[in-house]
Protein backbone atom coordinates (compact mmCIF):
# COMPACT_ATOMS: atom_id res chain seq x y z
CA MET A 1 22.93 5.50 -2.92
CA LYS A 2 26.53 5.97 -3.99
CA ARG A 3 27.81 5.53 -7.51
CA ASN A 4 31.47 5.80 -8.42
CA GLY A 5 32.24 7.09 -5.03
CA LYS A 6 29.90 10.01 -5.35
CA GLN A 7 26.55 10.61 -3.62
CA ARG A 8 23.71 10.59 -6.14
CA ASN A 9 21.31 13.46 -6.02
CA PRO A 10 17.78 12.05 -5.22
CA TRP A 11 16.04 15.22 -6.36
CA PRO A 12 15.99 14.42 -10.06
CA LEU A 13 14.09 11.20 -9.20
CA ASP A 14 11.68 13.14 -7.08
CA SER A 15 11.08 15.55 -9.91
CA LEU A 16 10.34 12.62 -12.25
CA VAL A 17 7.79 11.23 -9.78
CA ILE A 18 6.16 14.66 -9.42
CA GLN A 19 6.02 14.96 -13.20
CA ALA A 20 4.58 11.53 -13.53
CA ILE A 21 1.91 12.27 -10.88
CA GLU A 22 0.97 15.52 -12.64
CA LEU A 23 0.65 13.56 -15.90
CA ALA A 24 -1.51 10.89 -14.27
CA ASP A 25 -3.76 13.49 -12.62
CA ALA A 26 -4.27 14.97 -16.14
CA GLY A 27 -5.34 11.55 -17.39
CA LYS A 28 -2.08 10.88 -19.16
CA ASN A 29 -1.21 7.66 -17.46
CA ARG A 30 0.44 6.21 -20.55
CA GLU A 31 2.98 9.05 -20.45
CA ALA A 32 3.41 8.81 -16.70
CA VAL A 33 4.40 5.11 -16.56
CA PRO A 34 7.84 5.43 -18.28
CA LEU A 35 8.79 8.17 -15.87
CA LEU A 36 7.75 6.10 -12.94
CA LEU A 37 9.55 3.10 -14.20
CA ARG A 38 12.75 5.11 -14.64
CA ALA A 39 12.57 6.42 -11.09
CA ALA A 40 11.51 3.11 -9.64
CA ARG A 41 14.44 1.28 -11.19
CA ALA A 42 16.73 3.97 -9.79
CA GLY A 43 15.30 3.21 -6.28
CA ASN A 44 12.77 5.91 -5.59
CA LEU A 45 10.28 4.38 -3.12
CA SER A 46 7.45 6.68 -4.12
CA ALA A 47 7.87 5.71 -7.73
CA GLN A 48 7.96 2.00 -6.89
CA VAL A 49 4.68 2.25 -5.01
CA THR A 50 3.01 4.41 -7.56
CA LEU A 51 4.15 2.23 -10.42
CA GLY A 52 2.84 -0.75 -8.53
CA ASN A 53 -0.51 1.02 -8.25
CA HIS A 54 -0.51 1.71 -12.00
CA LEU A 55 0.26 -1.93 -12.79
CA ALA A 56 -2.24 -3.31 -10.22
CA HIS A 57 -5.10 -1.24 -11.73
CA GLY A 58 -4.04 -1.16 -15.36
CA MET A 59 -3.63 2.62 -15.45
CA GLY A 60 -1.68 3.55 -18.65
CA VAL A 61 -0.21 0.08 -18.82
CA ARG A 62 -1.49 -3.55 -19.16
CA GLN A 63 -2.70 -4.73 -15.71
CA SER A 64 -0.26 -7.09 -14.15
CA ARG A 65 -0.62 -8.25 -10.58
CA GLU A 66 2.77 -10.04 -10.81
CA ARG A 67 4.57 -6.85 -11.82
CA ALA A 68 2.63 -4.76 -9.29
CA LEU A 69 3.65 -7.21 -6.55
CA TYR A 70 7.27 -7.00 -7.67
CA TRP A 71 7.36 -3.23 -7.06
CA TYR A 72 5.36 -3.38 -3.86
CA ARG A 73 7.73 -6.08 -2.54
CA ARG A 74 10.78 -4.00 -3.41
CA ALA A 75 9.41 -0.96 -1.71
CA ALA A 76 8.20 -2.91 1.32
CA LYS A 77 11.53 -4.54 1.70
CA ARG A 78 12.98 -1.06 1.95
CA GLY A 79 10.44 -0.09 4.67
CA ASP A 80 7.50 1.32 2.84
CA ALA A 81 4.40 0.44 4.79
CA ALA A 82 1.91 1.44 2.08
CA ALA A 83 3.62 -0.89 -0.33
CA ALA A 84 3.15 -3.77 2.17
CA SER A 85 -0.47 -2.85 2.60
CA ASN A 86 -1.01 -2.68 -1.14
CA ALA A 87 0.50 -6.16 -1.56
CA GLY A 88 -1.98 -7.31 1.06
CA CYS A 89 -4.82 -5.82 -0.95
CA VAL A 90 -3.74 -7.67 -4.09
CA TYR A 91 -3.65 -10.98 -2.20
CA ARG A 92 -6.92 -10.29 -0.43
CA ASP A 93 -8.63 -9.54 -3.68
CA GLU A 94 -7.36 -12.88 -5.05
CA GLY A 95 -8.75 -14.68 -2.03
CA ARG A 96 -5.28 -15.58 -0.70
CA ILE A 97 -6.21 -14.63 2.84
CA LYS A 98 -3.13 -15.95 4.71
CA LEU A 99 -0.82 -14.08 2.41
CA ALA A 100 -2.95 -10.97 2.65
CA LEU A 101 -2.88 -11.22 6.43
CA ARG A 102 0.91 -11.55 6.44
CA TRP A 103 1.35 -8.41 4.31
CA PHE A 104 -1.12 -6.42 6.33
CA GLU A 105 0.68 -7.41 9.55
CA LYS A 106 3.94 -6.31 7.83
CA ALA A 107 2.40 -2.93 7.04
CA VAL A 108 1.37 -2.47 10.70
CA ALA A 109 4.85 -3.45 11.79
CA LEU A 110 6.24 -0.81 9.45
CA GLY A 111 4.00 1.78 11.04
CA LEU A 112 0.81 1.87 9.05
CA ASP A 113 -2.00 1.68 11.68
CA ASP A 114 -4.62 1.88 8.96
CA ALA A 115 -3.69 -1.69 7.99
CA MET A 116 -5.15 -2.87 11.31
CA LEU A 117 -8.59 -2.19 9.78
CA GLU A 118 -7.82 -4.48 6.89
CA ILE A 119 -6.77 -7.24 9.33
CA ALA A 120 -9.96 -6.64 11.37
CA LYS A 121 -12.04 -7.10 8.14
CA LEU A 122 -10.27 -10.35 7.49
CA CYS A 123 -11.04 -11.46 11.04
CA LEU A 124 -14.66 -10.54 10.66
CA GLY A 125 -14.83 -12.42 7.38
CA PRO A 126 -12.89 -15.40 6.32
CA LEU A 127 -10.76 -15.75 9.42
CA GLY A 128 -13.74 -15.81 11.75
CA ASP A 129 -12.12 -14.20 14.76
CA ALA A 130 -14.46 -11.55 16.04
CA LYS A 131 -12.48 -11.20 19.34
CA ARG A 132 -9.36 -10.28 17.46
CA ALA A 133 -11.29 -7.98 15.19
CA GLY A 134 -12.74 -6.17 18.18
CA ARG A 135 -9.25 -5.62 19.68
CA LEU A 136 -7.96 -4.37 16.38
CA LEU A 137 -10.87 -1.96 15.83
CA ALA A 138 -10.30 -0.60 19.34
CA LYS A 139 -6.63 0.00 18.46
CA VAL A 140 -7.63 1.72 15.20
CA LEU A 141 -9.86 4.04 17.13
CA SER A 142 -7.26 4.86 19.76
CA SER A 143 -4.58 5.51 17.16
CA LYS A 144 -3.77 9.13 16.33
CA GLU A 145 -2.08 7.88 13.13
CA VAL A 146 -5.06 6.62 11.11
CA ALA A 147 -6.99 8.41 8.49
CA VAL A 148 -10.50 9.82 9.32
CA PHE A 149 -12.19 7.39 6.92
CA THR A 150 -10.40 4.50 8.61
CA GLN A 151 -11.80 5.57 12.00
CA GLU A 152 -15.27 5.99 10.49
CA GLU A 153 -15.09 2.45 9.03
CA ALA A 154 -13.93 1.04 12.36
CA VAL A 155 -16.88 2.69 14.08
CA ARG A 156 -19.28 1.28 11.46
CA LEU A 157 -17.86 -2.26 11.74
CA ARG A 158 -18.00 -2.16 15.56
CA LYS A 159 -21.68 -1.27 15.47
CA GLU A 160 -22.54 -3.68 12.60
CA PHE A 161 -20.88 -6.63 14.35
CA HIS A 162 -21.90 -5.55 17.86
CA LEU A 163 -18.31 -5.31 19.07
CA GLU A 164 -18.73 -2.26 21.27
């Protein structure tokens, strides 16, 4: 992040993101979006993902899956696993299963073990691959990197689909 031979200070961007998140938490999404956009354009990964979330869900801005995917792709290209998973969610919700699978797999490759749960759900649903789902759920349960609710969902799915 060099400009004119000088290293840019990333902290002002972080403070913009923090300010935007505080505004959003206070229900002022319309005021948060311009701050996120400014920081996202300047390359802040957190801003790119958060802006994508605002666009995907229409929080303080007109909902736009295309613009949300733009920001998710930019962040994922720079290594943000959550952005890749969020792109997978957009495609899954549209019924574009193969694209969703590809993005969830990218999220796993970038280190987000929680995305294995999403792949397992696709396997138990439209992909019809219970064996793969069982293996993925076992990996979720053995991972020390997944959220508690992800583990709980994995346990529930294993019981529901008799994959134990």
